Structures are given as structure tokens and as C-alpha cells.
PDB file of N, CA and C in Angstrom:
ATOM      1  N   MET A   1      33.557  -5.127  43.724  1.00  0.00           N
ATOM      2  CA  MET A   1      33.792  -4.507  42.435  1.00  0.00           C
ATOM      3  C   MET A   1      34.261  -5.539  41.420  1.00  0.00           C
ATOM      4  N   VAL A   2      33.860  -5.357  40.186  1.00  0.00           N
ATOM      5  CA  VAL A   2      34.243  -6.242  39.103  1.00  0.00           C
ATOM      6  C   VAL A   2      35.452  -5.640  38.404  1.00  0.00           C
ATOM      7  N   LYS A   3      36.389  -6.486  38.058  1.00  0.00           N
ATOM      8  CA  LYS A   3      37.569  -5.984  37.350  1.00  0.00           C
ATOM      9  C   LYS A   3      37.509  -6.415  35.904  1.00  0.00           C
ATOM     10  N   LYS A   4      37.793  -5.482  35.010  1.00  0.00           N
ATOM     11  CA  LYS A   4      37.814  -5.759  33.584  1.00  0.00           C
ATOM     12  C   LYS A   4      39.063  -5.128  33.013  1.00  0.00           C
ATOM     13  N   ASP A   5      39.872  -5.932  32.378  1.00  0.00           N
ATOM     14  CA  ASP A   5      41.133  -5.461  31.807  1.00  0.00           C
ATOM     15  C   ASP A   5      41.989  -4.737  32.838  1.00  0.00           C
ATOM     16  N   GLY A   6      41.979  -5.242  34.074  1.00  0.00           N
ATOM     17  CA  GLY A   6      42.800  -4.662  35.117  1.00  0.00           C
ATOM     18  C   GLY A   6      42.211  -3.417  35.750  1.00  0.00           C
ATOM     19  N   LYS A   7      41.058  -2.946  35.274  1.00  0.00           N
ATOM     20  CA  LYS A   7      40.428  -1.750  35.836  1.00  0.00           C
ATOM     21  C   LYS A   7      39.202  -2.177  36.641  1.00  0.00           C
ATOM     22  N   SER A   8      38.982  -1.519  37.740  1.00  0.00           N
ATOM     23  CA  SER A   8      37.812  -1.854  38.543  1.00  0.00           C
ATOM     24  C   SER A   8      36.599  -1.073  38.029  1.00  0.00           C
ATOM     25  N   ILE A   9      35.468  -1.769  37.959  1.00  0.00           N
ATOM     26  CA  ILE A   9      34.225  -1.178  37.472  1.00  0.00           C
ATOM     27  C   ILE A   9      33.202  -1.229  38.596  1.00  0.00           C
ATOM     28  N   LYS A  10      32.588  -0.111  38.891  1.00  0.00           N
ATOM     29  CA  LYS A  10      31.563  -0.067  39.919  1.00  0.00           C
ATOM     30  C   LYS A  10      30.257  -0.605  39.353  1.00  0.00           C
ATOM     31  N   PRO A  11      29.490  -1.338  40.152  1.00  0.00           N
ATOM     32  CA  PRO A  11      28.190  -1.804  39.653  1.00  0.00           C
ATOM     33  C   PRO A  11      27.257  -0.625  39.418  1.00  0.00           C
ATOM     34  N   VAL A  12      26.329  -0.817  38.494  1.00  0.00           N
ATOM     35  CA  VAL A  12      25.380   0.244  38.161  1.00  0.00           C
ATOM     36  C   VAL A  12      24.455   0.465  39.351  1.00  0.00           C
ATOM     37  N   ASN A  13      24.240   1.715  39.706  1.00  0.00           N
ATOM     38  CA  ASN A  13      23.392   2.068  40.830  1.00  0.00           C
ATOM     39  C   ASN A  13      22.073   2.601  40.283  1.00  0.00           C
ATOM     40  N   TYR A  14      21.010   1.837  40.400  1.00  0.00           N
ATOM     41  CA  TYR A  14      19.704   2.232  39.883  1.00  0.00           C
ATOM     42  C   TYR A  14      18.949   3.046  40.926  1.00  0.00           C
ATOM     43  N   THR A  15      19.324   4.280  41.088  1.00  0.00           N
ATOM     44  CA  THR A  15      18.640   5.140  42.043  1.00  0.00           C
ATOM     45  C   THR A  15      18.411   6.508  41.430  1.00  0.00           C
ATOM     46  N   ILE A  16      17.432   7.199  41.960  1.00  0.00           N
ATOM     47  CA  ILE A  16      17.187   8.581  41.600  1.00  0.00           C
ATOM     48  C   ILE A  16      17.243   9.362  42.901  1.00  0.00           C
ATOM     49  N   ASP A  17      18.136  10.308  42.974  1.00  0.00           N
ATOM     50  CA  ASP A  17      18.329  11.108  44.191  1.00  0.00           C
ATOM     51  C   ASP A  17      18.514  10.199  45.411  1.00  0.00           C
ATOM     52  N   ASN A  18      19.332   9.190  45.223  1.00  0.00           N
ATOM     53  CA  ASN A  18      19.657   8.240  46.300  1.00  0.00           C
ATOM     54  C   ASN A  18      18.445   7.495  46.835  1.00  0.00           C
ATOM     55  N   GLN A  19      17.392   7.377  46.023  1.00  0.00           N
ATOM     56  CA  GLN A  19      16.216   6.611  46.409  1.00  0.00           C
ATOM     57  C   GLN A  19      16.099   5.421  45.463  1.00  0.00           C
ATOM     58  N   LYS A  20      15.984   4.232  46.017  1.00  0.00           N
ATOM     59  CA  LYS A  20      15.897   3.027  45.206  1.00  0.00           C
ATOM     60  C   LYS A  20      14.591   3.029  44.415  1.00  0.00           C
ATOM     61  N   ILE A  21      14.676   2.678  43.136  1.00  0.00           N
ATOM     62  CA  ILE A  21      13.490   2.638  42.280  1.00  0.00           C
ATOM     63  C   ILE A  21      12.755   1.327  42.526  1.00  0.00           C
ATOM     64  N   THR A  22      11.543   1.432  43.018  1.00  0.00           N
ATOM     65  CA  THR A  22      10.701   0.271  43.270  1.00  0.00           C
ATOM     66  C   THR A  22       9.356   0.499  42.593  1.00  0.00           C
ATOM     67  N   PHE A  23       8.534  -0.536  42.634  1.00  0.00           N
ATOM     68  CA  PHE A  23       7.187  -0.413  42.068  1.00  0.00           C
ATOM     69  C   PHE A  23       6.410   0.684  42.781  1.00  0.00           C
ATOM     70  N   GLU A  24       6.517   0.712  44.095  1.00  0.00           N
ATOM     71  CA  GLU A  24       5.802   1.724  44.875  1.00  0.00           C
ATOM     72  C   GLU A  24       6.278   3.132  44.524  1.00  0.00           C
ATOM     73  N   PHE A  25       7.583   3.269  44.239  1.00  0.00           N
ATOM     74  CA  PHE A  25       8.143   4.563  43.884  1.00  0.00           C
ATOM     75  C   PHE A  25       7.588   5.047  42.541  1.00  0.00           C
ATOM     76  N   LEU A  26       7.397   4.115  41.596  1.00  0.00           N
ATOM     77  CA  LEU A  26       6.904   4.470  40.259  1.00  0.00           C
ATOM     78  C   LEU A  26       5.386   4.539  40.179  1.00  0.00           C
ATOM     79  N   LYS A  27       4.712   3.881  41.088  1.00  0.00           N
ATOM     80  CA  LYS A  27       3.262   3.731  41.014  1.00  0.00           C
ATOM     81  C   LYS A  27       2.524   5.078  41.030  1.00  0.00           C
ATOM     82  N   SER A  28       2.860   5.939  41.943  1.00  0.00           N
ATOM     83  CA  SER A  28       2.139   7.206  42.081  1.00  0.00           C
ATOM     84  C   SER A  28       2.262   8.097  40.839  1.00  0.00           C
ATOM     85  N   PRO A  29       3.482   8.351  40.322  1.00  0.00           N
ATOM     86  CA  PRO A  29       3.561   9.182  39.114  1.00  0.00           C
ATOM     87  C   PRO A  29       2.887   8.548  37.897  1.00  0.00           C
ATOM     88  N   LEU A  30       2.950   7.216  37.798  1.00  0.00           N
ATOM     89  CA  LEU A  30       2.305   6.546  36.660  1.00  0.00           C
ATOM     90  C   LEU A  30       0.790   6.687  36.731  1.00  0.00           C
ATOM     91  N   TRP A  31       0.206   6.515  37.912  1.00  0.00           N
ATOM     92  CA  TRP A  31      -1.233   6.669  38.048  1.00  0.00           C
ATOM     93  C   TRP A  31      -1.649   8.119  37.801  1.00  0.00           C
ATOM     94  N   SER A  32      -0.821   9.051  38.251  1.00  0.00           N
ATOM     95  CA  SER A  32      -1.128  10.469  38.010  1.00  0.00           C
ATOM     96  C   SER A  32      -1.128  10.768  36.516  1.00  0.00           C
ATOM     97  N   ALA A  33      -0.149  10.233  35.803  1.00  0.00           N
ATOM     98  CA  ALA A  33      -0.091  10.430  34.350  1.00  0.00           C
ATOM     99  C   ALA A  33      -1.292   9.777  33.672  1.00  0.00           C
ATOM    100  N   ALA A  34      -1.670   8.592  34.122  1.00  0.00           N
ATOM    101  CA  ALA A  34      -2.835   7.907  33.551  1.00  0.00           C
ATOM    102  C   ALA A  34      -4.105   8.716  33.784  1.00  0.00           C
ATOM    103  N   ASP A  35      -4.236   9.302  34.971  1.00  0.00           N
ATOM    104  CA  ASP A  35      -5.411  10.135  35.261  1.00  0.00           C
ATOM    105  C   ASP A  35      -5.471  11.349  34.339  1.00  0.00           C
ATOM    106  N   ILE A  36      -4.317  11.952  34.085  1.00  0.00           N
ATOM    107  CA  ILE A  36      -4.273  13.111  33.182  1.00  0.00           C
ATOM    108  C   ILE A  36      -4.666  12.697  31.767  1.00  0.00           C
ATOM    109  N   LEU A  37      -4.145  11.557  31.299  1.00  0.00           N
ATOM    110  CA  LEU A  37      -4.444  11.098  29.946  1.00  0.00           C
ATOM    111  C   LEU A  37      -5.904  10.696  29.784  1.00  0.00           C
ATOM    112  N   ARG A  38      -6.490  10.110  30.821  1.00  0.00           N
ATOM    113  CA  ARG A  38      -7.900   9.702  30.734  1.00  0.00           C
ATOM    114  C   ARG A  38      -8.823  10.901  30.678  1.00  0.00           C
ATOM    115  N   GLY A  39      -8.440  11.963  31.311  1.00  0.00           N
ATOM    116  CA  GLY A  39      -9.307  13.137  31.317  1.00  0.00           C
ATOM    117  C   GLY A  39     -10.546  12.909  32.153  1.00  0.00           C
ATOM    118  N   PHE A  40     -11.701  13.237  31.586  1.00  0.00           N
ATOM    119  CA  PHE A  40     -12.947  13.142  32.331  1.00  0.00           C
ATOM    120  C   PHE A  40     -13.758  11.906  31.953  1.00  0.00           C
ATOM    121  N   LEU A  41     -13.104  10.844  31.553  1.00  0.00           N
ATOM    122  CA  LEU A  41     -13.821   9.625  31.195  1.00  0.00           C
ATOM    123  C   LEU A  41     -14.296   8.896  32.447  1.00  0.00           C
ATOM    124  N   ASP A  42     -15.520   8.384  32.373  1.00  0.00           N
ATOM    125  CA  ASP A  42     -16.003   7.498  33.434  1.00  0.00           C
ATOM    126  C   ASP A  42     -15.295   6.157  33.290  1.00  0.00           C
ATOM    127  N   PRO A  43     -15.133   5.432  34.381  1.00  0.00           N
ATOM    128  CA  PRO A  43     -14.508   4.106  34.272  1.00  0.00           C
ATOM    129  C   PRO A  43     -15.231   3.182  33.294  1.00  0.00           C
ATOM    130  N   SER A  44     -16.529   3.369  33.128  1.00  0.00           N
ATOM    131  CA  SER A  44     -17.275   2.536  32.182  1.00  0.00           C
ATOM    132  C   SER A  44     -16.918   2.862  30.732  1.00  0.00           C
ATOM    133  N   GLU A  45     -16.328   4.043  30.498  1.00  0.00           N
ATOM    134  CA  GLU A  45     -15.972   4.456  29.144  1.00  0.00           C
ATOM    135  C   GLU A  45     -14.515   4.139  28.795  1.00  0.00           C
ATOM    136  N   TYR A  46     -13.759   3.544  29.711  1.00  0.00           N
ATOM    137  CA  TYR A  46     -12.359   3.207  29.444  1.00  0.00           C
ATOM    138  C   TYR A  46     -12.234   2.167  28.336  1.00  0.00           C
ATOM    139  N   ARG A  47     -13.280   1.371  28.208  1.00  0.00           N
ATOM    140  CA  ARG A  47     -13.236   0.264  27.255  1.00  0.00           C
ATOM    141  C   ARG A  47     -12.942   0.737  25.834  1.00  0.00           C
ATOM    142  N   GLN A  48     -13.560   1.818  25.406  1.00  0.00           N
ATOM    143  CA  GLN A  48     -13.410   2.276  24.025  1.00  0.00           C
ATOM    144  C   GLN A  48     -11.962   2.622  23.668  1.00  0.00           C
ATOM    145  N   PRO A  49     -11.276   3.489  24.410  1.00  0.00           N
ATOM    146  CA  PRO A  49      -9.887   3.785  24.033  1.00  0.00           C
ATOM    147  C   PRO A  49      -8.962   2.591  24.199  1.00  0.00           C
ATOM    148  N   VAL A  50      -9.206   1.781  25.228  1.00  0.00           N
ATOM    149  CA  VAL A  50      -8.350   0.610  25.445  1.00  0.00           C
ATOM    150  C   VAL A  50      -8.530  -0.386  24.308  1.00  0.00           C
ATOM    151  N   MET A  51      -9.771  -0.658  23.930  1.00  0.00           N
ATOM    152  CA  MET A  51     -10.020  -1.599  22.837  1.00  0.00           C
ATOM    153  C   MET A  51      -9.469  -1.062  21.516  1.00  0.00           C
ATOM    154  N   THR A  52      -9.553   0.238  21.314  1.00  0.00           N
ATOM    155  CA  THR A  52      -8.991   0.849  20.107  1.00  0.00           C
ATOM    156  C   THR A  52      -7.488   0.649  20.060  1.00  0.00           C
ATOM    157  N   LEU A  53      -6.821   0.888  21.178  1.00  0.00           N
ATOM    158  CA  LEU A  53      -5.369   0.683  21.229  1.00  0.00           C
ATOM    159  C   LEU A  53      -5.002  -0.777  21.011  1.00  0.00           C
ATOM    160  N   LEU A  54      -5.760  -1.694  21.620  1.00  0.00           N
ATOM    161  CA  LEU A  54      -5.497  -3.120  21.418  1.00  0.00           C
ATOM    162  C   LEU A  54      -5.704  -3.519  19.961  1.00  0.00           C
ATOM    163  N   PHE A  55      -6.764  -2.978  19.345  1.00  0.00           N
ATOM    164  CA  PHE A  55      -7.025  -3.264  17.933  1.00  0.00           C
ATOM    165  C   PHE A  55      -5.880  -2.757  17.061  1.00  0.00           C
ATOM    166  N   LEU A  56      -5.422  -1.525  17.312  1.00  0.00           N
ATOM    167  CA  LEU A  56      -4.323  -0.973  16.518  1.00  0.00           C
ATOM    168  C   LEU A  56      -3.030  -1.767  16.709  1.00  0.00           C
ATOM    169  N   LYS A  57      -2.782  -2.221  17.924  1.00  0.00           N
ATOM    170  CA  LYS A  57      -1.599  -3.035  18.199  1.00  0.00           C
ATOM    171  C   LYS A  57      -1.676  -4.348  17.423  1.00  0.00           C
ATOM    172  N   ARG A  58      -2.829  -4.996  17.460  1.00  0.00           N
ATOM    173  CA  ARG A  58      -3.007  -6.257  16.732  1.00  0.00           C
ATOM    174  C   ARG A  58      -2.880  -6.036  15.224  1.00  0.00           C
ATOM    175  N   LEU A  59      -3.458  -4.959  14.731  1.00  0.00           N
ATOM    176  CA  LEU A  59      -3.374  -4.635  13.317  1.00  0.00           C
ATOM    177  C   LEU A  59      -1.924  -4.432  12.896  1.00  0.00           C
ATOM    178  N   ASN A  60      -1.165  -3.726  13.702  1.00  0.00           N
ATOM    179  CA  ASN A  60       0.252  -3.491  13.427  1.00  0.00           C
ATOM    180  C   ASN A  60       1.029  -4.806  13.421  1.00  0.00           C
ATOM    181  N   ASP A  61       0.780  -5.655  14.410  1.00  0.00           N
ATOM    182  CA  ASP A  61       1.493  -6.934  14.490  1.00  0.00           C
ATOM    183  C   ASP A  61       1.193  -7.823  13.289  1.00  0.00           C
ATOM    184  N   THR A  62      -0.088  -7.913  12.912  1.00  0.00           N
ATOM    185  CA  THR A  62      -0.435  -8.766  11.780  1.00  0.00           C
ATOM    186  C   THR A  62       0.067  -8.171  10.470  1.00  0.00           C
ATOM    187  N   PHE A  63       0.078  -6.843  10.372  1.00  0.00           N
ATOM    188  CA  PHE A  63       0.616  -6.215   9.166  1.00  0.00           C
ATOM    189  C   PHE A  63       2.082  -6.570   8.989  1.00  0.00           C
ATOM    190  N   GLU A  64       2.858  -6.475  10.061  1.00  0.00           N
ATOM    191  CA  GLU A  64       4.281  -6.796   9.978  1.00  0.00           C
ATOM    192  C   GLU A  64       4.490  -8.265   9.604  1.00  0.00           C
ATOM    193  N   GLU A  65       3.695  -9.162  10.205  1.00  0.00           N
ATOM    194  CA  GLU A  65       3.794 -10.591   9.869  1.00  0.00           C
ATOM    195  C   GLU A  65       3.462 -10.813   8.396  1.00  0.00           C
ATOM    196  N   ASN A  66       2.345 -10.231   7.942  1.00  0.00           N
ATOM    197  CA  ASN A  66       1.925 -10.422   6.557  1.00  0.00           C
ATOM    198  C   ASN A  66       2.917  -9.816   5.573  1.00  0.00           C
ATOM    199  N   ALA A  67       3.460  -8.668   5.903  1.00  0.00           N
ATOM    200  CA  ALA A  67       4.443  -8.041   5.019  1.00  0.00           C
ATOM    201  C   ALA A  67       5.681  -8.922   4.909  1.00  0.00           C
ATOM    202  N   GLU A  68       6.119  -9.471   6.019  1.00  0.00           N
ATOM    203  CA  GLU A  68       7.284 -10.348   6.002  1.00  0.00           C
ATOM    204  C   GLU A  68       7.002 -11.614   5.188  1.00  0.00           C
ATOM    205  N   ASN A  69       5.805 -12.188   5.366  1.00  0.00           N
ATOM    206  CA  ASN A  69       5.432 -13.382   4.601  1.00  0.00           C
ATOM    207  C   ASN A  69       5.373 -13.084   3.105  1.00  0.00           C
ATOM    208  N   LEU A  70       4.822 -11.930   2.746  1.00  0.00           N
ATOM    209  CA  LEU A  70       4.740 -11.575   1.333  1.00  0.00           C
ATOM    210  C   LEU A  70       6.126 -11.379   0.719  1.00  0.00           C
ATOM    211  N   ILE A  71       7.011 -10.773   1.471  1.00  0.00           N
ATOM    212  CA  ILE A  71       8.379 -10.587   0.984  1.00  0.00           C
ATOM    213  C   ILE A  71       9.036 -11.941   0.765  1.00  0.00           C
ATOM    214  N   ASN A  72       8.859 -12.858   1.726  1.00  0.00           N
ATOM    215  CA  ASN A  72       9.443 -14.188   1.590  1.00  0.00           C
ATOM    216  C   ASN A  72       8.827 -14.942   0.417  1.00  0.00           C
ATOM    217  N   LYS A  73       7.505 -14.806   0.220  1.00  0.00           N
ATOM    218  CA  LYS A  73       6.847 -15.465  -0.912  1.00  0.00           C
ATOM    219  C   LYS A  73       7.345 -14.904  -2.233  1.00  0.00           C
ATOM    220  N   GLU A  74       7.533 -13.594  -2.278  1.00  0.00           N
ATOM    221  CA  GLU A  74       8.022 -12.956  -3.505  1.00  0.00           C
ATOM    222  C   GLU A  74       9.424 -13.445  -3.846  1.00  0.00           C
ATOM    223  N   LYS A  75      10.274 -13.578  -2.828  1.00  0.00           N
ATOM    224  CA  LYS A  75      11.618 -14.111  -3.054  1.00  0.00           C
ATOM    225  C   LYS A  75      11.546 -15.540  -3.562  1.00  0.00           C
ATOM    226  N   ALA A  76      10.653 -16.338  -2.978  1.00  0.00           N
ATOM    227  CA  ALA A  76      10.504 -17.732  -3.399  1.00  0.00           C
ATOM    228  C   ALA A  76       9.997 -17.802  -4.842  1.00  0.00           C
ATOM    229  N   LYS A  77       9.062 -16.904  -5.205  1.00  0.00           N
ATOM    230  CA  LYS A  77       8.544 -16.884  -6.574  1.00  0.00           C
ATOM    231  C   LYS A  77       9.656 -16.580  -7.579  1.00  0.00           C
ATOM    232  N   LYS A  78      10.509 -15.610  -7.220  1.00  0.00           N
ATOM    233  CA  LYS A  78      11.613 -15.256  -8.117  1.00  0.00           C
ATOM    234  C   LYS A  78      12.562 -16.427  -8.302  1.00  0.00           C
ATOM    235  N   ILE A  79      12.854 -17.127  -7.231  1.00  0.00           N
ATOM    236  CA  ILE A  79      13.749 -18.285  -7.318  1.00  0.00           C
ATOM    237  C   ILE A  79      13.116 -19.379  -8.172  1.00  0.00           C
ATOM    238  N   LEU A  80      11.817 -19.643  -7.962  1.00  0.00           N
ATOM    239  CA  LEU A  80      11.128 -20.665  -8.754  1.00  0.00           C
ATOM    240  C   LEU A  80      11.075 -20.282 -10.232  1.00  0.00           C
ATOM    241  N   MET A  81      10.867 -18.994 -10.510  1.00  0.00           N
ATOM    242  CA  MET A  81      10.844 -18.564 -11.909  1.00  0.00           C
ATOM    243  C   MET A  81      12.205 -18.778 -12.561  1.00  0.00           C
ATOM    244  N   ARG A  82      13.280 -18.498 -11.847  1.00  0.00           N
ATOM    245  CA  ARG A  82      14.618 -18.718 -12.398  1.00  0.00           C
ATOM    246  C   ARG A  82      14.870 -20.195 -12.654  1.00  0.00           C
ATOM    247  N   ILE A  83      14.419 -21.043 -11.730  1.00  0.00           N
ATOM    248  CA  ILE A  83      14.588 -22.489 -11.919  1.00  0.00           C
ATOM    249  C   ILE A  83      13.785 -22.949 -13.124  1.00  0.00           C
ATOM    250  N   GLU A  84      12.532 -22.490 -13.244  1.00  0.00           N
ATOM    251  CA  GLU A  84      11.699 -22.870 -14.379  1.00  0.00           C
ATOM    252  C   GLU A  84      12.314 -22.410 -15.700  1.00  0.00           C
ATOM    253  N   GLU A  85      12.861 -21.193 -15.715  1.00  0.00           N
ATOM    254  CA  GLU A  85      13.502 -20.683 -16.928  1.00  0.00           C
ATOM    255  C   GLU A  85      14.712 -21.540 -17.298  1.00  0.00           C
ATOM    256  N   ALA A  86      15.487 -21.915 -16.291  1.00  0.00           N
ATOM    257  CA  ALA A  86      16.667 -22.740 -16.560  1.00  0.00           C
ATOM    258  C   ALA A  86      16.259 -24.106 -17.099  1.00  0.00           C
ATOM    259  N   ILE A  87      15.236 -24.708 -16.494  1.00  0.00           N
ATOM    260  CA  ILE A  87      14.774 -26.023 -16.950  1.00  0.00           C
ATOM    261  C   ILE A  87      14.201 -25.933 -18.350  1.00  0.00           C
ATOM    262  N   SER A  88      13.377 -24.911 -18.598  1.00  0.00           N
ATOM    263  CA  SER A  88      12.761 -24.793 -19.927  1.00  0.00           C
ATOM    264  C   SER A  88      13.822 -24.515 -20.993  1.00  0.00           C
ATOM    265  N   SER A  89      14.822 -23.715 -20.678  1.00  0.00           N
ATOM    266  CA  SER A  89      15.865 -23.461 -21.673  1.00  0.00           C
ATOM    267  C   SER A  89      16.671 -24.727 -21.946  1.00  0.00           C
ATOM    268  N   LEU A  90      16.919 -25.524 -20.906  1.00  0.00           N
ATOM    269  CA  LEU A  90      17.612 -26.797 -21.123  1.00  0.00           C
ATOM    270  C   LEU A  90      16.761 -27.744 -21.953  1.00  0.00           C
ATOM    271  N   PHE A  91      15.465 -27.800 -21.665  1.00  0.00           N
ATOM    272  CA  PHE A  91      14.565 -28.676 -22.397  1.00  0.00           C
ATOM    273  C   PHE A  91      14.465 -28.257 -23.854  1.00  0.00           C
ATOM    274  N   LEU A  92      14.322 -26.934 -24.108  1.00  0.00           N
ATOM    275  CA  LEU A  92      14.240 -26.454 -25.482  1.00  0.00           C
ATOM    276  C   LEU A  92      15.540 -26.721 -26.227  1.00  0.00           C
ATOM    277  N   LYS A  93      16.655 -26.558 -25.549  1.00  0.00           N
ATOM    278  CA  LYS A  93      17.944 -26.815 -26.182  1.00  0.00           C
ATOM    279  C   LYS A  93      18.056 -28.283 -26.546  1.00  0.00           C
ATOM    280  N   LYS A  94      17.594 -29.147 -25.639  1.00  0.00           N
ATOM    281  CA  LYS A  94      17.644 -30.584 -25.909  1.00  0.00           C
ATOM    282  C   LYS A  94      16.747 -30.931 -27.096  1.00  0.00           C
ATOM    283  N   GLN A  95      15.550 -30.336 -27.174  1.00  0.00           N
ATOM    284  CA  GLN A  95      14.650 -30.582 -28.291  1.00  0.00           C
ATOM    285  C   GLN A  95      15.278 -30.096 -29.596  1.00  0.00           C
ATOM    286  N   ASN A  96      15.895 -28.924 -29.585  1.00  0.00           N
ATOM    287  CA  ASN A  96      16.527 -28.382 -30.779  1.00  0.00           C
ATOM    288  C   ASN A  96      17.685 -29.283 -31.238  1.00  0.00           C
ATOM    289  N   ASP A  97      18.450 -29.788 -30.297  1.00  0.00           N
ATOM    290  CA  ASP A  97      19.561 -30.679 -30.643  1.00  0.00           C
ATOM    291  C   ASP A  97      19.039 -31.956 -31.285  1.00  0.00           C
ATOM    292  N   GLN A  98      17.946 -32.493 -30.766  1.00  0.00           N
ATOM    293  CA  GLN A  98      17.372 -33.723 -31.329  1.00  0.00           C
ATOM    294  C   GLN A  98      16.792 -33.472 -32.714  1.00  0.00           C
ATOM    295  N   SER A  99      16.186 -32.299 -32.932  1.00  0.00           N
ATOM    296  CA  SER A  99      15.615 -32.027 -34.259  1.00  0.00           C
ATOM    297  C   SER A  99      16.730 -31.848 -35.295  1.00  0.00           C
ATOM    298  N   ILE A 100      17.868 -31.300 -34.881  1.00  0.00           N
ATOM    299  CA  ILE A 100      18.997 -31.145 -35.802  1.00  0.00           C
ATOM    300  C   ILE A 100      19.557 -32.522 -36.145  1.00  0.00           C
ATOM    301  N   ILE A 101      19.631 -33.403 -35.151  1.00  0.00           N
ATOM    302  CA  ILE A 101      20.180 -34.752 -35.380  1.00  0.00           C
ATOM    303  C   ILE A 101      19.254 -35.544 -36.300  1.00  0.00           C
ATOM    304  N   SER A 102      17.943 -35.428 -36.112  1.00  0.00           N
ATOM    305  CA  SER A 102      17.009 -36.208 -36.916  1.00  0.00           C
ATOM    306  C   SER A 102      16.872 -35.703 -38.350  1.00  0.00           C
ATOM    307  N   SER A 103      17.322 -34.496 -38.659  1.00  0.00           N
ATOM    308  CA  SER A 103      17.177 -33.967 -40.013  1.00  0.00           C
ATOM    309  C   SER A 103      18.185 -34.499 -40.953  1.00  0.00           C
TER     310      SER A 103
END
């Protein structure tokens, strides 16, 4: 037993009805669920739903990447615009000061 703050803690027991969860234990219900979801598809027809799911997963992943990149680009654009505004205002102020001096 592990002790934490003076109290003993029992390790987590990963069992269901006192049966250890293994791959073999999960395999049968998972295959049964897969058979129900497939319905009456021939094995040769599995490609269509699987490829559709893979396509949607890829589309989702690239959308999230692109959205994040666009947000970062937009933030960078705002920062660059502020810098440009600051530089241009300093430059215009300097030009105005020189024109006043030369008059």
C-alpha cells in the first residue's frame, strides 16, 4: 500500500466483477459491436465507410491546424500593423518638425 499524508491508499483495481480486463476479455464484445454497426455489408464493401471516416478525420485535423495558423497569422498582422502605425507616426512627426524648423 502507498501512504500519502499519513493515510494508506489502496492501488486501483482494474477489474469488472473480479475479472481482470485483458485484450481477450474486451475482444468478443468489441467484435460483436462492430458486427452490429457493419450491418449487412460484405467485407469488400468495408472500404467505403472506413475511407469516409478516415477522410473526415483528416479533414478535421487539417481544419484545426489551418484555423490555428490563421489565428496566429491574424495576430501577427495586427502586431505588424501597430508597429507600422507607430513608425509612420514617428516619421511624419519628424518630417513635420523639420518643416517647422526650415520655415
